[in-house]
Amino acid sequence: MNAKPKETLESLLSTLGFPSTVIETAMDDGIFLEIQTEDSGRLIGRQGQTLSQLQYVVNRLLFKQDRNVPKITLDVGNYRLKSRDSLVEKTQTAADKVRRWGDVVELEPMNAYERRIVHHTLKDDPAIETHSVEVEGTRKKAILLRPKH
């Protein structure tokens, strides 16, 4: 691998004026970069948008350096971990409603990363199926949970 994820992110953060430390961890599906900084709120942004956009930019920069570079996931102050746990909990609550009442439950519009978490959470559930549906006027999609027939 020619690309250097940790160094690329550190350089970008320094250029943007964010003094920080980056810890790199190899994972099965890519590389996890944890950013430690005093200014985590500004890096996370509203509903994690700034963090997601920064992750996109870092992945694009690395891909330009090396087309075989693994996917990078960024986190600041365990934001992604906490929001993931919250989303899994919300998904399981919605699935319980589907099981109990047999109704279709629609989760709020989500980005691709969040939808992957929902689909993964319920992929082995024998009673529930999930479907992503377009939300008019946005680039996000909602997820429908419905009983399997």
N, C-alpha and C. Protein backbone atom coordinates (compact mmCIF):
# COMPACT_ATOMS: atom_id res chain seq x y z
N MET A 1 0.85 -1.19 0.00
CA MET A 1 0.00 0.00 0.00
C MET A 1 0.89 1.24 0.00
N ASN A 2 0.75 2.06 -1.03
CA ASN A 2 1.54 3.29 -1.14
C ASN A 2 0.95 4.44 -0.34
N ALA A 3 -0.37 4.45 -0.19
CA ALA A 3 -1.03 5.52 0.54
C ALA A 3 -0.74 5.40 2.03
N LYS A 4 -0.68 6.53 2.70
CA LYS A 4 -0.43 6.56 4.14
C LYS A 4 -1.61 7.26 4.82
N PRO A 5 -2.65 6.48 5.22
CA PRO A 5 -3.87 7.06 5.76
C PRO A 5 -3.65 7.98 6.96
N LYS A 6 -2.91 7.51 7.96
CA LYS A 6 -2.70 8.29 9.18
C LYS A 6 -2.00 9.61 8.86
N GLU A 7 -0.94 9.54 8.08
CA GLU A 7 -0.18 10.73 7.74
C GLU A 7 -1.00 11.71 6.90
N THR A 8 -1.79 11.17 5.97
CA THR A 8 -2.64 12.01 5.12
C THR A 8 -3.65 12.78 5.97
N LEU A 9 -4.30 12.08 6.90
CA LEU A 9 -5.29 12.72 7.77
C LEU A 9 -4.63 13.75 8.67
N GLU A 10 -3.49 13.40 9.26
CA GLU A 10 -2.80 14.34 10.15
C GLU A 10 -2.42 15.62 9.40
N SER A 11 -1.93 15.47 8.19
CA SER A 11 -1.56 16.62 7.37
C SER A 11 -2.78 17.49 7.05
N LEU A 12 -3.88 16.85 6.68
CA LEU A 12 -5.11 17.58 6.36
C LEU A 12 -5.63 18.32 7.59
N LEU A 13 -5.67 17.66 8.73
CA LEU A 13 -6.15 18.30 9.96
C LEU A 13 -5.27 19.47 10.36
N SER A 14 -3.97 19.30 10.21
CA SER A 14 -3.02 20.37 10.53
C SER A 14 -3.26 21.58 9.61
N THR A 15 -3.43 21.31 8.32
CA THR A 15 -3.69 22.38 7.35
C THR A 15 -4.99 23.11 7.67
N LEU A 16 -5.99 22.37 8.16
CA LEU A 16 -7.29 22.97 8.51
C LEU A 16 -7.26 23.67 9.88
N GLY A 17 -6.15 23.54 10.60
CA GLY A 17 -6.03 24.21 11.89
C GLY A 17 -6.61 23.44 13.06
N PHE A 18 -6.60 22.12 12.98
CA PHE A 18 -7.09 21.27 14.06
C PHE A 18 -5.91 20.52 14.67
N PRO A 19 -5.34 21.02 15.78
CA PRO A 19 -4.29 20.25 16.44
C PRO A 19 -4.90 18.95 16.96
N SER A 20 -4.28 17.83 16.60
CA SER A 20 -4.87 16.54 16.96
C SER A 20 -3.85 15.43 16.92
N THR A 21 -4.26 14.29 17.47
CA THR A 21 -3.50 13.06 17.39
C THR A 21 -4.38 12.04 16.69
N VAL A 22 -3.80 11.23 15.82
CA VAL A 22 -4.56 10.22 15.09
C VAL A 22 -4.02 8.85 15.45
N ILE A 23 -4.94 7.94 15.82
CA ILE A 23 -4.57 6.57 16.12
C ILE A 23 -5.15 5.68 15.02
N GLU A 24 -4.29 4.89 14.40
CA GLU A 24 -4.69 4.03 13.28
C GLU A 24 -4.85 2.58 13.76
N THR A 25 -5.98 1.96 13.37
CA THR A 25 -6.25 0.57 13.71
C THR A 25 -6.70 -0.17 12.47
N ALA A 26 -6.05 -1.29 12.17
CA ALA A 26 -6.47 -2.12 11.03
C ALA A 26 -7.70 -2.92 11.44
N MET A 27 -8.69 -2.98 10.54
CA MET A 27 -9.90 -3.74 10.79
C MET A 27 -10.12 -4.70 9.62
N ASP A 28 -11.05 -5.63 9.76
CA ASP A 28 -11.33 -6.60 8.70
C ASP A 28 -11.74 -5.92 7.40
N ASP A 29 -12.55 -4.85 7.52
CA ASP A 29 -13.10 -4.21 6.34
C ASP A 29 -12.47 -2.86 6.02
N GLY A 30 -11.27 -2.60 6.53
CA GLY A 30 -10.61 -1.33 6.22
C GLY A 30 -9.72 -0.86 7.35
N ILE A 31 -9.56 0.45 7.40
CA ILE A 31 -8.71 1.06 8.42
C ILE A 31 -9.54 2.04 9.21
N PHE A 32 -9.40 2.00 10.53
CA PHE A 32 -10.12 2.88 11.43
C PHE A 32 -9.15 3.93 11.95
N LEU A 33 -9.50 5.21 11.79
CA LEU A 33 -8.66 6.29 12.28
C LEU A 33 -9.43 7.07 13.34
N GLU A 34 -8.94 7.03 14.57
CA GLU A 34 -9.54 7.77 15.68
C GLU A 34 -8.81 9.08 15.86
N ILE A 35 -9.55 10.18 15.76
CA ILE A 35 -8.98 11.52 15.92
C ILE A 35 -9.19 11.96 17.36
N GLN A 36 -8.10 12.37 18.00
CA GLN A 36 -8.19 12.91 19.35
C GLN A 36 -7.84 14.39 19.27
N THR A 37 -8.81 15.23 19.65
CA THR A 37 -8.63 16.68 19.57
C THR A 37 -9.48 17.36 20.62
N GLU A 38 -9.10 18.58 20.97
CA GLU A 38 -9.88 19.38 21.92
C GLU A 38 -11.15 19.91 21.27
N ASP A 39 -11.16 20.00 19.95
CA ASP A 39 -12.24 20.64 19.21
C ASP A 39 -13.10 19.61 18.47
N SER A 40 -13.50 18.55 19.18
CA SER A 40 -14.20 17.46 18.51
C SER A 40 -15.56 17.88 17.95
N GLY A 41 -16.25 18.78 18.61
CA GLY A 41 -17.57 19.22 18.15
C GLY A 41 -17.55 19.81 16.75
N ARG A 42 -16.56 20.62 16.47
CA ARG A 42 -16.46 21.23 15.13
C ARG A 42 -16.11 20.18 14.08
N LEU A 43 -15.32 19.18 14.44
CA LEU A 43 -14.98 18.12 13.48
C LEU A 43 -16.15 17.18 13.24
N ILE A 44 -16.99 16.98 14.23
CA ILE A 44 -18.15 16.11 14.07
C ILE A 44 -19.22 16.82 13.25
N GLY A 45 -19.51 18.06 13.60
CA GLY A 45 -20.51 18.83 12.87
C GLY A 45 -21.92 18.41 13.24
N ARG A 46 -22.88 19.04 12.60
CA ARG A 46 -24.28 18.75 12.88
C ARG A 46 -24.64 17.35 12.37
N GLN A 47 -25.13 16.52 13.26
CA GLN A 47 -25.51 15.14 12.96
C GLN A 47 -24.39 14.37 12.27
N GLY A 48 -23.13 14.71 12.60
CA GLY A 48 -21.98 13.99 12.06
C GLY A 48 -21.65 14.32 10.62
N GLN A 49 -22.27 15.38 10.06
CA GLN A 49 -22.06 15.69 8.65
C GLN A 49 -20.61 16.07 8.34
N THR A 50 -20.00 16.88 9.19
CA THR A 50 -18.62 17.30 8.93
C THR A 50 -17.69 16.10 8.97
N LEU A 51 -17.90 15.22 9.94
CA LEU A 51 -17.08 14.01 10.05
C LEU A 51 -17.25 13.13 8.81
N SER A 52 -18.48 12.97 8.35
CA SER A 52 -18.73 12.17 7.15
C SER A 52 -18.07 12.78 5.92
N GLN A 53 -18.14 14.09 5.80
CA GLN A 53 -17.53 14.76 4.65
C GLN A 53 -16.01 14.68 4.71
N LEU A 54 -15.46 14.80 5.91
CA LEU A 54 -14.01 14.66 6.08
C LEU A 54 -13.58 13.24 5.71
N GLN A 55 -14.35 12.26 6.13
CA GLN A 55 -14.06 10.87 5.79
C GLN A 55 -14.08 10.68 4.28
N TYR A 56 -15.06 11.27 3.61
CA TYR A 56 -15.16 11.17 2.15
C TYR A 56 -13.91 11.77 1.49
N VAL A 57 -13.50 12.96 1.93
CA VAL A 57 -12.33 13.63 1.35
C VAL A 57 -11.08 12.79 1.56
N VAL A 58 -10.89 12.27 2.77
CA VAL A 58 -9.71 11.45 3.06
C VAL A 58 -9.70 10.20 2.17
N ASN A 59 -10.85 9.55 2.04
CA ASN A 59 -10.91 8.36 1.18
C ASN A 59 -10.59 8.72 -0.27
N ARG A 60 -11.07 9.85 -0.76
CA ARG A 60 -10.78 10.26 -2.14
C ARG A 60 -9.29 10.56 -2.32
N LEU A 61 -8.70 11.27 -1.35
CA LEU A 61 -7.27 11.59 -1.43
C LEU A 61 -6.43 10.31 -1.46
N LEU A 62 -6.77 9.37 -0.60
CA LEU A 62 -6.01 8.11 -0.53
C LEU A 62 -6.20 7.28 -1.78
N PHE A 63 -7.41 7.26 -2.32
CA PHE A 63 -7.69 6.49 -3.54
C PHE A 63 -6.89 7.05 -4.72
N LYS A 64 -6.71 8.38 -4.73
CA LYS A 64 -5.89 9.00 -5.79
C LYS A 64 -4.44 8.55 -5.68
N GLN A 65 -3.96 8.33 -4.45
CA GLN A 65 -2.58 7.89 -4.23
C GLN A 65 -2.40 6.41 -4.55
N ASP A 66 -3.43 5.61 -4.22
CA ASP A 66 -3.33 4.16 -4.38
C ASP A 66 -4.74 3.59 -4.54
N ARG A 67 -5.04 3.08 -5.73
CA ARG A 67 -6.39 2.59 -6.02
C ARG A 67 -6.77 1.35 -5.18
N ASN A 68 -5.80 0.71 -4.55
CA ASN A 68 -6.06 -0.49 -3.76
C ASN A 68 -6.12 -0.22 -2.26
N VAL A 69 -6.11 1.04 -1.87
CA VAL A 69 -6.13 1.38 -0.45
C VAL A 69 -7.47 0.92 0.16
N PRO A 70 -7.43 0.32 1.37
CA PRO A 70 -8.69 -0.09 2.02
C PRO A 70 -9.51 1.14 2.43
N LYS A 71 -10.79 0.94 2.61
CA LYS A 71 -11.69 2.03 3.01
C LYS A 71 -11.33 2.52 4.41
N ILE A 72 -11.38 3.83 4.58
CA ILE A 72 -11.05 4.47 5.84
C ILE A 72 -12.33 4.87 6.56
N THR A 73 -12.40 4.59 7.86
CA THR A 73 -13.49 5.07 8.69
C THR A 73 -12.88 5.99 9.74
N LEU A 74 -13.45 7.20 9.85
CA LEU A 74 -12.97 8.18 10.84
C LEU A 74 -13.92 8.24 12.01
N ASP A 75 -13.36 8.53 13.19
CA ASP A 75 -14.18 8.79 14.37
C ASP A 75 -13.49 9.85 15.22
N VAL A 76 -14.31 10.61 15.93
CA VAL A 76 -13.82 11.62 16.85
C VAL A 76 -14.60 11.47 18.15
N GLY A 77 -13.91 11.34 19.27
CA GLY A 77 -14.57 11.26 20.56
C GLY A 77 -15.61 10.16 20.65
N ASN A 78 -15.37 9.05 19.97
CA ASN A 78 -16.29 7.90 19.95
C ASN A 78 -17.67 8.25 19.41
N TYR A 79 -17.77 9.32 18.62
CA TYR A 79 -19.06 9.74 18.07
C TYR A 79 -19.71 8.63 17.26
N ARG A 80 -18.96 8.04 16.34
CA ARG A 80 -19.54 6.99 15.48
C ARG A 80 -19.96 5.77 16.31
N LEU A 81 -19.14 5.41 17.28
CA LEU A 81 -19.46 4.26 18.13
C LEU A 81 -20.76 4.51 18.89
N LYS A 82 -20.89 5.71 19.49
CA LYS A 82 -22.10 6.04 20.25
C LYS A 82 -23.32 6.12 19.34
N SER A 83 -23.17 6.76 18.18
CA SER A 83 -24.32 6.89 17.29
C SER A 83 -24.69 5.54 16.69
N ARG A 84 -23.70 4.67 16.47
CA ARG A 84 -23.98 3.32 15.97
C ARG A 84 -24.78 2.54 17.00
N ASP A 85 -24.35 2.59 18.26
CA ASP A 85 -25.07 1.89 19.32
C ASP A 85 -26.50 2.40 19.43
N SER A 86 -26.68 3.70 19.32
CA SER A 86 -28.01 4.30 19.39
C SER A 86 -28.87 3.84 18.21
N LEU A 87 -28.28 3.78 17.03
CA LEU A 87 -29.02 3.35 15.84
C LEU A 87 -29.40 1.87 15.93
N VAL A 88 -28.52 1.03 16.44
CA VAL A 88 -28.82 -0.40 16.62
C VAL A 88 -29.98 -0.55 17.60
N GLU A 89 -29.96 0.23 18.67
CA GLU A 89 -31.04 0.17 19.66
C GLU A 89 -32.37 0.61 19.04
N LYS A 90 -32.35 1.69 18.28
CA LYS A 90 -33.56 2.19 17.60
C LYS A 90 -34.09 1.15 16.60
N THR A 91 -33.17 0.50 15.90
CA THR A 91 -33.54 -0.54 14.93
C THR A 91 -34.22 -1.71 15.63
N GLN A 92 -33.66 -2.14 16.74
CA GLN A 92 -34.22 -3.28 17.48
C GLN A 92 -35.59 -2.94 18.06
N THR A 93 -35.78 -1.70 18.50
CA THR A 93 -37.09 -1.26 19.01
C THR A 93 -38.12 -1.28 17.88
N ALA A 94 -37.74 -0.79 16.69
CA ALA A 94 -38.65 -0.80 15.54
C ALA A 94 -38.97 -2.24 15.13
N ALA A 95 -37.98 -3.12 15.16
CA ALA A 95 -38.20 -4.52 14.80
C ALA A 95 -39.16 -5.18 15.78
N ASP A 96 -39.07 -4.83 17.05
CA ASP A 96 -40.00 -5.36 18.05
C ASP A 96 -41.43 -4.96 17.72
N LYS A 97 -41.61 -3.71 17.27
CA LYS A 97 -42.96 -3.24 16.88
C LYS A 97 -43.48 -4.04 15.69
N VAL A 98 -42.61 -4.30 14.73
CA VAL A 98 -43.02 -5.07 13.55
C VAL A 98 -43.45 -6.48 13.98
N ARG A 99 -42.66 -7.10 14.84
CA ARG A 99 -42.98 -8.45 15.33
C ARG A 99 -44.30 -8.46 16.11
N ARG A 100 -44.46 -7.46 16.97
CA ARG A 100 -45.63 -7.42 17.85
C ARG A 100 -46.92 -7.12 17.09
N TRP A 101 -46.89 -6.11 16.20
CA TRP A 101 -48.11 -5.63 15.55
C TRP A 101 -48.25 -6.07 14.10
N GLY A 102 -47.17 -6.53 13.50
CA GLY A 102 -47.23 -6.95 12.10
C GLY A 102 -47.31 -5.81 11.12
N ASP A 103 -47.10 -4.59 11.60
CA ASP A 103 -47.16 -3.41 10.74
C ASP A 103 -45.79 -3.10 10.14
N VAL A 104 -45.80 -2.33 9.05
CA VAL A 104 -44.56 -1.83 8.47
C VAL A 104 -44.12 -0.63 9.29
N VAL A 105 -42.83 -0.56 9.62
CA VAL A 105 -42.28 0.58 10.35
C VAL A 105 -41.26 1.26 9.44
N GLU A 106 -41.37 2.59 9.33
CA GLU A 106 -40.42 3.35 8.51
C GLU A 106 -39.47 4.11 9.43
N LEU A 107 -38.18 3.89 9.23
CA LEU A 107 -37.16 4.64 9.97
C LEU A 107 -36.86 5.93 9.22
N GLU A 108 -36.34 6.92 9.93
CA GLU A 108 -36.07 8.23 9.33
C GLU A 108 -35.03 8.11 8.21
N PRO A 109 -34.98 9.11 7.32
CA PRO A 109 -33.98 9.10 6.24
C PRO A 109 -32.56 9.00 6.81
N MET A 110 -31.73 8.20 6.14
CA MET A 110 -30.35 7.95 6.60
C MET A 110 -29.38 7.97 5.44
N ASN A 111 -28.11 8.17 5.78
CA ASN A 111 -27.08 8.05 4.75
C ASN A 111 -26.72 6.58 4.57
N ALA A 112 -25.87 6.29 3.60
CA ALA A 112 -25.53 4.91 3.26
C ALA A 112 -24.89 4.16 4.44
N TYR A 113 -24.02 4.83 5.17
CA TYR A 113 -23.35 4.21 6.32
C TYR A 113 -24.38 3.75 7.35
N GLU A 114 -25.34 4.63 7.66
CA GLU A 114 -26.36 4.29 8.66
C GLU A 114 -27.27 3.16 8.17
N ARG A 115 -27.63 3.22 6.88
CA ARG A 115 -28.49 2.16 6.33
C ARG A 115 -27.80 0.80 6.40
N ARG A 116 -26.50 0.78 6.14
CA ARG A 116 -25.73 -0.47 6.22
C ARG A 116 -25.83 -1.05 7.63
N ILE A 117 -25.75 -0.19 8.64
CA ILE A 117 -25.84 -0.64 10.04
C ILE A 117 -27.21 -1.28 10.29
N VAL A 118 -28.28 -0.63 9.82
CA VAL A 118 -29.63 -1.17 10.03
C VAL A 118 -29.79 -2.51 9.32
N HIS A 119 -29.41 -2.57 8.04
CA HIS A 119 -29.54 -3.82 7.30
C HIS A 119 -28.73 -4.94 7.97
N HIS A 120 -27.52 -4.61 8.40
CA HIS A 120 -26.64 -5.60 9.04
C HIS A 120 -27.24 -6.08 10.37
N THR A 121 -27.84 -5.16 11.13
CA THR A 121 -28.42 -5.50 12.43
C THR A 121 -29.53 -6.55 12.27
N LEU A 122 -30.31 -6.45 11.18
CA LEU A 122 -31.47 -7.34 11.02
C LEU A 122 -31.29 -8.42 9.96
N LYS A 123 -30.09 -8.55 9.40
CA LYS A 123 -29.89 -9.49 8.28
C LYS A 123 -30.20 -10.94 8.65
N ASP A 124 -30.00 -11.33 9.88
CA ASP A 124 -30.23 -12.72 10.28
C ASP A 124 -31.56 -12.91 11.01
N ASP A 125 -32.38 -11.86 11.07
CA ASP A 125 -33.66 -11.95 11.76
C ASP A 125 -34.66 -12.69 10.88
N PRO A 126 -35.18 -13.84 11.33
CA PRO A 126 -36.07 -14.63 10.47
C PRO A 126 -37.45 -14.01 10.28
N ALA A 127 -37.82 -13.03 11.09
CA ALA A 127 -39.17 -12.47 11.03
C ALA A 127 -39.25 -11.11 10.34
N ILE A 128 -38.10 -10.47 10.08
CA ILE A 128 -38.09 -9.09 9.57
C ILE A 128 -37.30 -9.00 8.27
N GLU A 129 -37.83 -8.20 7.33
CA GLU A 129 -37.04 -7.86 6.14
C GLU A 129 -36.94 -6.34 6.07
N THR A 130 -35.84 -5.86 5.49
CA THR A 130 -35.60 -4.43 5.39
C THR A 130 -35.48 -4.02 3.93
N HIS A 131 -35.98 -2.83 3.64
CA HIS A 131 -35.91 -2.29 2.29
C HIS A 131 -35.59 -0.80 2.36
N SER A 132 -34.63 -0.34 1.58
CA SER A 132 -34.35 1.09 1.47
C SER A 132 -35.27 1.69 0.41
N VAL A 133 -35.82 2.86 0.71
CA VAL A 133 -36.70 3.55 -0.24
C VAL A 133 -36.26 5.00 -0.38
N GLU A 134 -36.37 5.52 -1.60
CA GLU A 134 -35.99 6.91 -1.88
C GLU A 134 -36.85 7.87 -1.06
N VAL A 135 -36.23 8.95 -0.59
CA VAL A 135 -36.97 10.03 0.06
C VAL A 135 -36.93 11.21 -0.90
N GLU A 136 -38.10 11.61 -1.37
CA GLU A 136 -38.17 12.66 -2.38
C GLU A 136 -37.48 13.93 -1.90
N GLY A 137 -36.72 14.54 -2.80
CA GLY A 137 -36.08 15.81 -2.50
C GLY A 137 -34.80 15.71 -1.70
N THR A 138 -34.32 14.50 -1.42
CA THR A 138 -33.06 14.35 -0.67
C THR A 138 -32.21 13.27 -1.33
N ARG A 139 -30.97 13.20 -0.89
CA ARG A 139 -30.08 12.13 -1.36
C ARG A 139 -30.12 10.95 -0.40
N LYS A 140 -30.87 11.10 0.68
CA LYS A 140 -30.95 10.03 1.67
C LYS A 140 -32.10 9.08 1.33
N LYS A 141 -32.06 7.93 1.96
CA LYS A 141 -33.12 6.95 1.81
C LYS A 141 -33.61 6.55 3.20
N ALA A 142 -34.89 6.21 3.27
CA ALA A 142 -35.45 5.68 4.52
C ALA A 142 -35.43 4.16 4.43
N ILE A 143 -35.60 3.51 5.55
CA ILE A 143 -35.65 2.06 5.56
C ILE A 143 -37.01 1.63 6.08
N LEU A 144 -37.62 0.70 5.35
CA LEU A 144 -38.87 0.10 5.78
C LEU A 144 -38.57 -1.26 6.40
N LEU A 145 -39.12 -1.51 7.57
CA LEU A 145 -39.03 -2.82 8.21
C LEU A 145 -40.42 -3.43 8.08
N ARG A 146 -40.47 -4.66 7.58
CA ARG A 146 -41.77 -5.33 7.45
C ARG A 146 -41.61 -6.80 7.79
N PRO A 147 -42.74 -7.43 8.15
CA PRO A 147 -42.68 -8.85 8.47
C PRO A 147 -42.35 -9.67 7.23
N LYS A 148 -41.58 -10.73 7.39
CA LYS A 148 -41.32 -11.65 6.29
C LYS A 148 -42.53 -12.56 6.15
N HIS A 149 -42.87 -12.90 4.92
CA HIS A 149 -44.03 -13.78 4.71
C HIS A 149 -43.57 -15.15 4.32
